[in-house]
Amino acid sequence: MSPAFEICTVCEVRANVELRYGAVCCNACRIFFYRNFRSLDFPSECQTPGQCHDNWKWCEYCHFKKCVSAGMRPPLKYFLER
């Protein structure tokens, strides 16, 4: 089966995307989300207010917020293990 090239719902880049964490996303956004939903020192607000509008120039907070608005959710087993 050949990989499906579609548009990532988070960063809007054409890539090999899959349904991960509840949203169709590329590998870069999937890995970013995975690393950051577990992070304890994640920023609580935008580090560059008013400048996080370009798809590849987001701060961590705005990129994570975009992941959540695209429908990405942490796996339930993560919360059950805590």
C-alpha atoms as a PDB file:
ATOM      1  CA  MET A   1       0.000   0.000   0.000  1.00  0.00           C
ATOM      2  CA  SER A   2       1.480   3.347  -1.007  1.00  0.00           C
ATOM      3  CA  PRO A   3       1.469   6.281   1.435  1.00  0.00           C
ATOM      4  CA  ALA A   4      -1.326   8.817   1.071  1.00  0.00           C
ATOM      5  CA  PHE A   5      -0.167  12.358   0.507  1.00  0.00           C
ATOM      6  CA  GLU A   6      -2.699  14.787   1.908  1.00  0.00           C
ATOM      7  CA  ILE A   7      -2.771  18.121   3.706  1.00  0.00           C
ATOM      8  CA  CYS A   8      -1.874  18.093   7.411  1.00  0.00           C
ATOM      9  CA  THR A   9      -4.763  19.596   9.409  1.00  0.00           C
ATOM     10  CA  VAL A  10      -2.303  21.278  11.771  1.00  0.00           C
ATOM     11  CA  CYS A  11       0.453  22.838   9.646  1.00  0.00           C
ATOM     12  CA  GLU A  12      -1.381  22.667   6.293  1.00  0.00           C
ATOM     13  CA  VAL A  13       1.608  21.183   4.466  1.00  0.00           C
ATOM     14  CA  ARG A  14       1.223  18.447   1.870  1.00  0.00           C
ATOM     15  CA  ALA A  15       2.840  15.392   3.395  1.00  0.00           C
ATOM     16  CA  ASN A  16       2.461  11.714   4.116  1.00  0.00           C
ATOM     17  CA  VAL A  17      -0.269  12.037   6.710  1.00  0.00           C
ATOM     18  CA  GLU A  18      -2.082   9.569   8.951  1.00  0.00           C
ATOM     19  CA  LEU A  19      -4.832   9.711  11.520  1.00  0.00           C
ATOM     20  CA  ARG A  20      -2.938  10.148  14.785  1.00  0.00           C
ATOM     21  CA  TYR A  21      -4.253  11.287  18.164  1.00  0.00           C
ATOM     22  CA  GLY A  22      -7.643  11.967  16.536  1.00  0.00           C
ATOM     23  CA  ALA A  23      -6.516  14.208  13.675  1.00  0.00           C
ATOM     24  CA  VAL A  24      -4.998  13.772  10.240  1.00  0.00           C
ATOM     25  CA  CYS A  25      -1.475  15.109  10.662  1.00  0.00           C
ATOM     26  CA  CYS A  26       2.062  14.862   9.353  1.00  0.00           C
ATOM     27  CA  ASN A  27       4.911  13.156  11.201  1.00  0.00           C
ATOM     28  CA  ALA A  28       6.402  16.446  12.424  1.00  0.00           C
ATOM     29  CA  CYS A  29       3.162  17.577  14.060  1.00  0.00           C
ATOM     30  CA  ARG A  30       2.517  14.096  15.494  1.00  0.00           C
ATOM     31  CA  ILE A  31       5.942  14.031  17.138  1.00  0.00           C
ATOM     32  CA  PHE A  32       5.606  17.621  18.374  1.00  0.00           C
ATOM     33  CA  PHE A  33       2.234  16.809  19.968  1.00  0.00           C
ATOM     34  CA  TYR A  34       3.513  13.579  21.531  1.00  0.00           C
ATOM     35  CA  ARG A  35       6.510  15.301  23.116  1.00  0.00           C
ATOM     36  CA  ASN A  36       4.555  18.262  24.390  1.00  0.00           C
ATOM     37  CA  PHE A  37       1.375  16.795  25.876  1.00  0.00           C
ATOM     38  CA  ARG A  38       3.628  14.985  28.353  1.00  0.00           C
ATOM     39  CA  SER A  39       5.800  18.001  29.144  1.00  0.00           C
ATOM     40  CA  LEU A  40       5.609  19.485  32.625  1.00  0.00           C
ATOM     41  CA  ASP A  41       7.352  22.753  31.728  1.00  0.00           C
ATOM     42  CA  PHE A  42       5.182  23.687  28.760  1.00  0.00           C
ATOM     43  CA  PRO A  43       4.616  27.445  28.241  1.00  0.00           C
ATOM     44  CA  SER A  44       1.226  28.753  29.383  1.00  0.00           C
ATOM     45  CA  GLU A  45       1.051  31.620  26.888  1.00  0.00           C
ATOM     46  CA  CYS A  46       2.375  32.749  23.516  1.00  0.00           C
ATOM     47  CA  GLN A  47       6.038  33.796  23.609  1.00  0.00           C
ATOM     48  CA  THR A  48       5.698  36.123  20.596  1.00  0.00           C
ATOM     49  CA  PRO A  49       2.214  37.708  20.778  1.00  0.00           C
ATOM     50  CA  GLY A  50       0.896  38.772  17.393  1.00  0.00           C
ATOM     51  CA  GLN A  51       3.715  37.118  15.432  1.00  0.00           C
ATOM     52  CA  CYS A  52       2.659  33.445  15.411  1.00  0.00           C
ATOM     53  CA  HIS A  53       0.739  33.453  12.161  1.00  0.00           C
ATOM     54  CA  ASP A  54       3.088  31.770   9.696  1.00  0.00           C
ATOM     55  CA  ASN A  55       2.737  27.964   9.692  1.00  0.00           C
ATOM     56  CA  TRP A  56       6.393  27.207  10.417  1.00  0.00           C
ATOM     57  CA  LYS A  57       7.131  30.121  12.733  1.00  0.00           C
ATOM     58  CA  TRP A  58       4.864  29.276  15.643  1.00  0.00           C
ATOM     59  CA  CYS A  59       5.965  29.330  19.232  1.00  0.00           C
ATOM     60  CA  GLU A  60       5.403  26.051  21.126  1.00  0.00           C
ATOM     61  CA  TYR A  61       2.231  27.313  22.768  1.00  0.00           C
ATOM     62  CA  CYS A  62       0.586  28.338  19.473  1.00  0.00           C
ATOM     63  CA  HIS A  63       1.667  25.137  17.692  1.00  0.00           C
ATOM     64  CA  PHE A  64       0.168  23.025  20.501  1.00  0.00           C
ATOM     65  CA  LYS A  65      -2.999  25.127  20.475  1.00  0.00           C
ATOM     66  CA  LYS A  66      -3.292  24.542  16.710  1.00  0.00           C
ATOM     67  CA  CYS A  67      -2.860  20.765  17.271  1.00  0.00           C
ATOM     68  CA  VAL A  68      -5.718  20.756  19.792  1.00  0.00           C
ATOM     69  CA  SER A  69      -7.960  22.874  17.542  1.00  0.00           C
ATOM     70  CA  ALA A  70      -7.312  20.379  14.702  1.00  0.00           C
ATOM     71  CA  GLY A  71      -8.736  17.647  16.956  1.00  0.00           C
ATOM     72  CA  MET A  72      -5.608  16.054  18.424  1.00  0.00           C
ATOM     73  CA  ARG A  73      -6.103  14.519  21.865  1.00  0.00           C
ATOM     74  CA  PRO A  74      -3.664  12.615  24.121  1.00  0.00           C
ATOM     75  CA  PRO A  75      -4.334   8.881  24.359  1.00  0.00           C
ATOM     76  CA  LEU A  76      -6.577   7.829  27.232  1.00  0.00           C
ATOM     77  CA  LYS A  77      -4.005   5.342  28.511  1.00  0.00           C
ATOM     78  CA  TYR A  78      -1.665   8.260  29.276  1.00  0.00           C
ATOM     79  CA  PHE A  79      -4.125   9.613  31.840  1.00  0.00           C
ATOM     80  CA  LEU A  80      -4.852   6.177  33.286  1.00  0.00           C
ATOM     81  CA  GLU A  81      -1.128   5.573  33.948  1.00  0.00           C
ATOM     82  CA  ARG A  82      -0.638   8.809  35.874  1.00  0.00           C
END
